[in-house]
Amino acid sequence: MLELGAEAAKWAKRIINPPSRLDKLGAKPGMSALVAGARHDDLVDELETRGVTVAGSMPGAVDLILYGAETWDALARLDDLRHKLKPDGALWVIRPKGSKSITEARSWPPESAQGS
């Protein structure tokens, strides 16, 4: 017999009610977010429903930046975007699922840009 102890109820709750993608991203009501790069209308709708202020371009610093990148070259924009982020903010790169052109296994900068 497997003995799970006091943690069993906590595990069961998490299995039955897994965290949403907004929970994983740390999006909370009252935050501000900048969504840039590739279109993610469904994500914008989720953020607004949660009470996050979302704009394509926002004056001042924001709590979250969600940047859709479909190629390695698109990552060159990260330096500009980070200047729009609050000091304790988070910048997330969203890539196409199953993409061969941009993966987590490849190092940055890409070989084509290393000699520049």
N, C-alpha and C. Protein backbone atom coordinates (compact mmCIF):
# COMPACT_ATOMS: atom_id res chain seq x y z
N MET A 1 0.83 -1.18 0.00
CA MET A 1 0.00 0.00 0.00
C MET A 1 0.89 1.25 0.00
N LEU A 2 0.46 2.23 -0.77
CA LEU A 2 1.19 3.49 -0.88
C LEU A 2 0.64 4.48 0.13
N GLU A 3 1.51 5.02 0.95
CA GLU A 3 1.12 5.99 1.98
C GLU A 3 1.50 7.39 1.51
N LEU A 4 0.50 8.24 1.26
CA LEU A 4 0.77 9.60 0.77
C LEU A 4 0.79 10.64 1.87
N GLY A 5 0.14 10.38 2.96
CA GLY A 5 0.17 11.29 4.10
C GLY A 5 -0.60 12.58 3.86
N ALA A 6 -0.17 13.61 4.57
CA ALA A 6 -0.88 14.90 4.58
C ALA A 6 -0.88 15.59 3.22
N GLU A 7 0.07 15.29 2.36
CA GLU A 7 0.16 15.93 1.05
C GLU A 7 -0.87 15.41 0.06
N ALA A 8 -1.50 14.30 0.33
CA ALA A 8 -2.42 13.66 -0.62
C ALA A 8 -3.56 14.58 -1.02
N ALA A 9 -4.16 15.28 -0.08
CA ALA A 9 -5.29 16.18 -0.40
C ALA A 9 -4.83 17.32 -1.30
N LYS A 10 -3.65 17.84 -1.03
CA LYS A 10 -3.11 18.94 -1.84
C LYS A 10 -2.84 18.46 -3.28
N TRP A 11 -2.26 17.28 -3.41
CA TRP A 11 -2.00 16.72 -4.74
C TRP A 11 -3.29 16.47 -5.49
N ALA A 12 -4.27 15.90 -4.80
CA ALA A 12 -5.56 15.60 -5.44
C ALA A 12 -6.22 16.88 -5.93
N LYS A 13 -6.19 17.94 -5.13
CA LYS A 13 -6.79 19.22 -5.53
C LYS A 13 -6.11 19.76 -6.79
N ARG A 14 -4.78 19.65 -6.85
CA ARG A 14 -4.04 20.15 -8.03
C ARG A 14 -4.29 19.32 -9.27
N ILE A 15 -4.50 18.04 -9.09
CA ILE A 15 -4.79 17.16 -10.22
C ILE A 15 -6.19 17.46 -10.76
N ILE A 16 -7.13 17.66 -9.87
CA ILE A 16 -8.51 17.93 -10.27
C ILE A 16 -8.66 19.34 -10.84
N ASN A 17 -7.94 20.30 -10.27
CA ASN A 17 -8.00 21.71 -10.69
C ASN A 17 -6.60 22.21 -11.03
N PRO A 18 -6.05 21.79 -12.19
CA PRO A 18 -4.69 22.22 -12.52
C PRO A 18 -4.63 23.73 -12.76
N PRO A 19 -3.48 24.35 -12.53
CA PRO A 19 -3.36 25.79 -12.77
C PRO A 19 -3.54 26.11 -14.25
N SER A 20 -4.21 27.23 -14.52
CA SER A 20 -4.42 27.66 -15.90
C SER A 20 -3.12 28.25 -16.45
N ARG A 21 -3.10 28.53 -17.75
CA ARG A 21 -1.88 29.12 -18.31
C ARG A 21 -1.65 30.51 -17.73
N LEU A 22 -2.71 31.25 -17.39
CA LEU A 22 -2.52 32.56 -16.77
C LEU A 22 -1.94 32.43 -15.37
N ASP A 23 -2.36 31.39 -14.63
CA ASP A 23 -1.76 31.13 -13.33
C ASP A 23 -0.26 30.87 -13.48
N LYS A 24 0.09 30.06 -14.47
CA LYS A 24 1.49 29.72 -14.71
C LYS A 24 2.30 30.95 -15.12
N LEU A 25 1.67 31.88 -15.83
CA LEU A 25 2.35 33.11 -16.26
C LEU A 25 2.41 34.16 -15.16
N GLY A 26 1.66 33.95 -14.09
CA GLY A 26 1.65 34.90 -12.98
C GLY A 26 0.75 36.10 -13.20
N ALA A 27 -0.23 36.00 -14.10
CA ALA A 27 -1.14 37.11 -14.40
C ALA A 27 -2.20 37.22 -13.31
N LYS A 28 -2.27 38.42 -12.72
CA LYS A 28 -3.22 38.68 -11.64
C LYS A 28 -4.06 39.92 -11.95
N PRO A 29 -5.28 39.96 -11.43
CA PRO A 29 -6.12 41.15 -11.64
C PRO A 29 -5.37 42.42 -11.20
N GLY A 30 -5.54 43.48 -11.99
CA GLY A 30 -4.90 44.76 -11.68
C GLY A 30 -3.54 44.93 -12.33
N MET A 31 -2.98 43.87 -12.88
CA MET A 31 -1.69 43.99 -13.56
C MET A 31 -1.87 44.63 -14.94
N SER A 32 -0.75 45.05 -15.52
CA SER A 32 -0.75 45.56 -16.89
C SER A 32 0.11 44.63 -17.74
N ALA A 33 -0.30 44.48 -18.99
CA ALA A 33 0.43 43.58 -19.89
C ALA A 33 0.54 44.18 -21.28
N LEU A 34 1.65 43.88 -21.91
CA LEU A 34 1.88 44.23 -23.29
C LEU A 34 1.97 42.92 -24.06
N VAL A 35 1.13 42.77 -25.08
CA VAL A 35 1.15 41.59 -25.93
C VAL A 35 1.69 42.04 -27.28
N ALA A 36 2.82 41.46 -27.69
CA ALA A 36 3.49 41.89 -28.91
C ALA A 36 3.90 40.68 -29.75
N GLY A 37 4.28 40.96 -30.99
CA GLY A 37 4.71 39.88 -31.87
C GLY A 37 3.52 39.21 -32.53
N ALA A 38 3.60 37.91 -32.69
CA ALA A 38 2.53 37.14 -33.35
C ALA A 38 1.20 37.32 -32.62
N ARG A 39 0.11 37.24 -33.36
CA ARG A 39 -1.23 37.45 -32.81
C ARG A 39 -1.63 36.33 -31.86
N HIS A 40 -2.17 36.71 -30.72
CA HIS A 40 -2.67 35.77 -29.72
C HIS A 40 -3.97 36.33 -29.13
N ASP A 41 -4.98 36.46 -29.97
CA ASP A 41 -6.24 37.06 -29.54
C ASP A 41 -6.87 36.30 -28.39
N ASP A 42 -6.79 34.98 -28.39
CA ASP A 42 -7.39 34.22 -27.31
C ASP A 42 -6.70 34.51 -25.98
N LEU A 43 -5.40 34.72 -25.99
CA LEU A 43 -4.67 35.06 -24.78
C LEU A 43 -5.05 36.45 -24.30
N VAL A 44 -5.20 37.39 -25.21
CA VAL A 44 -5.63 38.75 -24.85
C VAL A 44 -7.01 38.69 -24.18
N ASP A 45 -7.92 37.91 -24.74
CA ASP A 45 -9.25 37.78 -24.16
C ASP A 45 -9.17 37.20 -22.74
N GLU A 46 -8.34 36.18 -22.55
CA GLU A 46 -8.18 35.57 -21.22
C GLU A 46 -7.63 36.58 -20.21
N LEU A 47 -6.62 37.34 -20.63
CA LEU A 47 -6.03 38.34 -19.75
C LEU A 47 -7.06 39.38 -19.33
N GLU A 48 -7.81 39.89 -20.30
CA GLU A 48 -8.82 40.91 -19.99
C GLU A 48 -9.91 40.36 -19.08
N THR A 49 -10.31 39.11 -19.31
CA THR A 49 -11.32 38.48 -18.46
C THR A 49 -10.81 38.37 -17.02
N ARG A 50 -9.52 38.15 -16.87
CA ARG A 50 -8.92 38.03 -15.53
C ARG A 50 -8.77 39.40 -14.85
N GLY A 51 -8.91 40.49 -15.60
CA GLY A 51 -8.77 41.82 -15.01
C GLY A 51 -7.41 42.44 -15.23
N VAL A 52 -6.66 41.93 -16.21
CA VAL A 52 -5.36 42.49 -16.57
C VAL A 52 -5.59 43.53 -17.67
N THR A 53 -5.00 44.71 -17.52
CA THR A 53 -5.09 45.75 -18.54
C THR A 53 -4.13 45.40 -19.67
N VAL A 54 -4.67 45.24 -20.88
CA VAL A 54 -3.87 44.81 -22.03
C VAL A 54 -3.93 45.88 -23.11
N ALA A 55 -2.77 46.17 -23.70
CA ALA A 55 -2.72 47.09 -24.83
C ALA A 55 -1.59 46.67 -25.76
N GLY A 56 -1.74 46.95 -27.05
CA GLY A 56 -0.69 46.66 -28.02
C GLY A 56 0.52 47.53 -27.80
N SER A 57 0.30 48.74 -27.34
CA SER A 57 1.38 49.67 -27.03
C SER A 57 0.94 50.48 -25.83
N MET A 58 1.74 50.49 -24.80
CA MET A 58 1.34 51.11 -23.54
C MET A 58 2.41 52.09 -23.07
N PRO A 59 2.00 53.27 -22.64
CA PRO A 59 3.01 54.18 -22.09
C PRO A 59 3.46 53.67 -20.73
N GLY A 60 4.71 53.87 -20.41
CA GLY A 60 5.22 53.43 -19.11
C GLY A 60 5.51 51.95 -19.09
N ALA A 61 5.99 51.50 -17.95
CA ALA A 61 6.38 50.10 -17.79
C ALA A 61 5.18 49.23 -17.44
N VAL A 62 5.26 47.97 -17.82
CA VAL A 62 4.17 47.01 -17.58
C VAL A 62 4.68 45.86 -16.71
N ASP A 63 3.72 45.13 -16.13
CA ASP A 63 4.03 43.99 -15.27
C ASP A 63 4.43 42.75 -16.08
N LEU A 64 3.77 42.55 -17.21
CA LEU A 64 4.00 41.37 -18.03
C LEU A 64 4.17 41.76 -19.49
N ILE A 65 5.10 41.12 -20.15
CA ILE A 65 5.20 41.22 -21.60
C ILE A 65 5.10 39.80 -22.13
N LEU A 66 4.17 39.59 -23.05
CA LEU A 66 3.98 38.31 -23.70
C LEU A 66 4.31 38.53 -25.17
N TYR A 67 5.42 37.95 -25.60
CA TYR A 67 5.93 38.21 -26.93
C TYR A 67 5.87 36.95 -27.78
N GLY A 68 5.12 37.01 -28.87
CA GLY A 68 5.01 35.89 -29.79
C GLY A 68 6.13 35.94 -30.81
N ALA A 69 7.00 34.94 -30.79
CA ALA A 69 8.13 34.87 -31.73
C ALA A 69 8.04 33.57 -32.51
N GLU A 70 8.11 33.70 -33.84
CA GLU A 70 8.00 32.51 -34.69
C GLU A 70 9.34 32.13 -35.31
N THR A 71 10.35 33.01 -35.20
CA THR A 71 11.68 32.72 -35.75
C THR A 71 12.74 33.21 -34.76
N TRP A 72 13.97 32.70 -34.92
CA TRP A 72 15.07 33.15 -34.07
C TRP A 72 15.34 34.63 -34.29
N ASP A 73 15.20 35.11 -35.51
CA ASP A 73 15.45 36.53 -35.79
C ASP A 73 14.50 37.43 -35.00
N ALA A 74 13.30 36.96 -34.73
CA ALA A 74 12.32 37.74 -33.98
C ALA A 74 12.79 38.00 -32.55
N LEU A 75 13.67 37.18 -32.04
CA LEU A 75 14.16 37.36 -30.67
C LEU A 75 15.04 38.59 -30.52
N ALA A 76 15.51 39.14 -31.62
CA ALA A 76 16.33 40.35 -31.57
C ALA A 76 15.55 41.52 -30.95
N ARG A 77 14.23 41.46 -31.00
CA ARG A 77 13.39 42.54 -30.45
C ARG A 77 13.30 42.51 -28.92
N LEU A 78 13.76 41.42 -28.30
CA LEU A 78 13.65 41.30 -26.84
C LEU A 78 14.36 42.42 -26.10
N ASP A 79 15.48 42.89 -26.61
CA ASP A 79 16.21 43.96 -25.94
C ASP A 79 15.37 45.23 -25.85
N ASP A 80 14.66 45.57 -26.93
CA ASP A 80 13.78 46.74 -26.91
C ASP A 80 12.61 46.53 -25.96
N LEU A 81 12.04 45.34 -25.97
CA LEU A 81 10.87 45.06 -25.14
C LEU A 81 11.19 45.10 -23.65
N ARG A 82 12.36 44.64 -23.27
CA ARG A 82 12.68 44.58 -21.84
C ARG A 82 12.72 45.97 -21.20
N HIS A 83 12.94 47.01 -21.99
CA HIS A 83 12.94 48.37 -21.47
C HIS A 83 11.53 48.85 -21.12
N LYS A 84 10.51 48.13 -21.57
CA LYS A 84 9.12 48.48 -21.27
C LYS A 84 8.59 47.71 -20.07
N LEU A 85 9.46 46.96 -19.41
CA LEU A 85 9.08 46.08 -18.33
C LEU A 85 9.43 46.69 -16.97
N LYS A 86 8.52 46.57 -16.00
CA LYS A 86 8.82 47.00 -14.64
C LYS A 86 9.98 46.17 -14.10
N PRO A 87 10.75 46.70 -13.14
CA PRO A 87 11.90 45.96 -12.62
C PRO A 87 11.56 44.55 -12.10
N ASP A 88 10.39 44.38 -11.54
CA ASP A 88 10.00 43.06 -11.02
C ASP A 88 9.02 42.34 -11.95
N GLY A 89 8.96 42.79 -13.21
CA GLY A 89 8.04 42.21 -14.18
C GLY A 89 8.58 40.93 -14.81
N ALA A 90 7.76 40.35 -15.68
CA ALA A 90 8.13 39.11 -16.35
C ALA A 90 7.93 39.25 -17.85
N LEU A 91 8.90 38.76 -18.61
CA LEU A 91 8.82 38.74 -20.06
C LEU A 91 8.77 37.28 -20.50
N TRP A 92 7.69 36.92 -21.18
CA TRP A 92 7.50 35.55 -21.65
C TRP A 92 7.55 35.53 -23.17
N VAL A 93 8.30 34.58 -23.73
CA VAL A 93 8.34 34.38 -25.17
C VAL A 93 7.43 33.20 -25.49
N ILE A 94 6.50 33.44 -26.40
CA ILE A 94 5.56 32.41 -26.83
C ILE A 94 5.98 31.98 -28.23
N ARG A 95 6.21 30.70 -28.40
CA ARG A 95 6.60 30.18 -29.70
C ARG A 95 5.56 29.18 -30.17
N PRO A 96 5.48 28.97 -31.48
CA PRO A 96 4.51 28.00 -31.99
C PRO A 96 4.83 26.59 -31.46
N LYS A 97 3.80 25.91 -31.02
CA LYS A 97 3.97 24.54 -30.53
C LYS A 97 4.49 23.65 -31.66
N GLY A 98 5.52 22.87 -31.36
CA GLY A 98 6.08 21.95 -32.34
C GLY A 98 6.92 22.61 -33.41
N SER A 99 7.26 23.88 -33.24
CA SER A 99 8.02 24.61 -34.24
C SER A 99 9.43 24.05 -34.40
N LYS A 100 9.87 23.93 -35.63
CA LYS A 100 11.24 23.52 -35.92
C LYS A 100 12.14 24.75 -36.08
N SER A 101 11.55 25.92 -36.36
CA SER A 101 12.35 27.12 -36.61
C SER A 101 12.82 27.79 -35.32
N ILE A 102 12.10 27.59 -34.23
CA ILE A 102 12.51 28.17 -32.95
C ILE A 102 12.21 27.13 -31.87
N THR A 103 13.27 26.69 -31.20
CA THR A 103 13.12 25.63 -30.20
C THR A 103 13.82 26.04 -28.91
N GLU A 104 13.59 25.30 -27.85
CA GLU A 104 14.25 25.54 -26.58
C GLU A 104 15.65 24.97 -26.55
N ALA A 105 15.98 24.11 -27.50
CA ALA A 105 17.26 23.41 -27.50
C ALA A 105 18.39 24.21 -28.16
N ARG A 106 18.07 25.26 -28.85
CA ARG A 106 19.08 26.02 -29.58
C ARG A 106 19.59 27.17 -28.74
N SER A 107 20.87 27.47 -28.86
CA SER A 107 21.46 28.54 -28.06
C SER A 107 21.24 29.90 -28.73
N TRP A 108 21.37 30.96 -27.95
CA TRP A 108 21.22 32.32 -28.43
C TRP A 108 22.56 33.01 -28.28
N PRO A 109 23.00 33.84 -29.19
CA PRO A 109 22.35 34.17 -30.45
C PRO A 109 22.55 33.06 -31.48
N PRO A 110 21.68 33.05 -32.50
CA PRO A 110 21.86 32.03 -33.54
C PRO A 110 23.21 32.20 -34.23
N GLU A 111 23.70 31.13 -34.81
CA GLU A 111 25.02 31.16 -35.45
C GLU A 111 25.13 32.29 -36.46
N SER A 112 24.05 32.59 -37.18
CA SER A 112 24.08 33.63 -38.22
C SER A 112 24.38 35.01 -37.63
N ALA A 113 24.04 35.22 -36.35
CA ALA A 113 24.24 36.53 -35.74
C ALA A 113 25.50 36.60 -34.86
N GLN A 114 26.15 35.47 -34.60
CA GLN A 114 27.28 35.45 -33.68
C GLN A 114 28.49 36.20 -34.20
N GLY A 115 28.71 36.21 -35.49
CA GLY A 115 29.87 36.89 -36.05
C GLY A 115 29.65 38.36 -36.28
N SER A 116 28.44 38.88 -36.06
CA SER A 116 28.12 40.28 -36.35
C SER A 116 28.71 41.21 -35.35
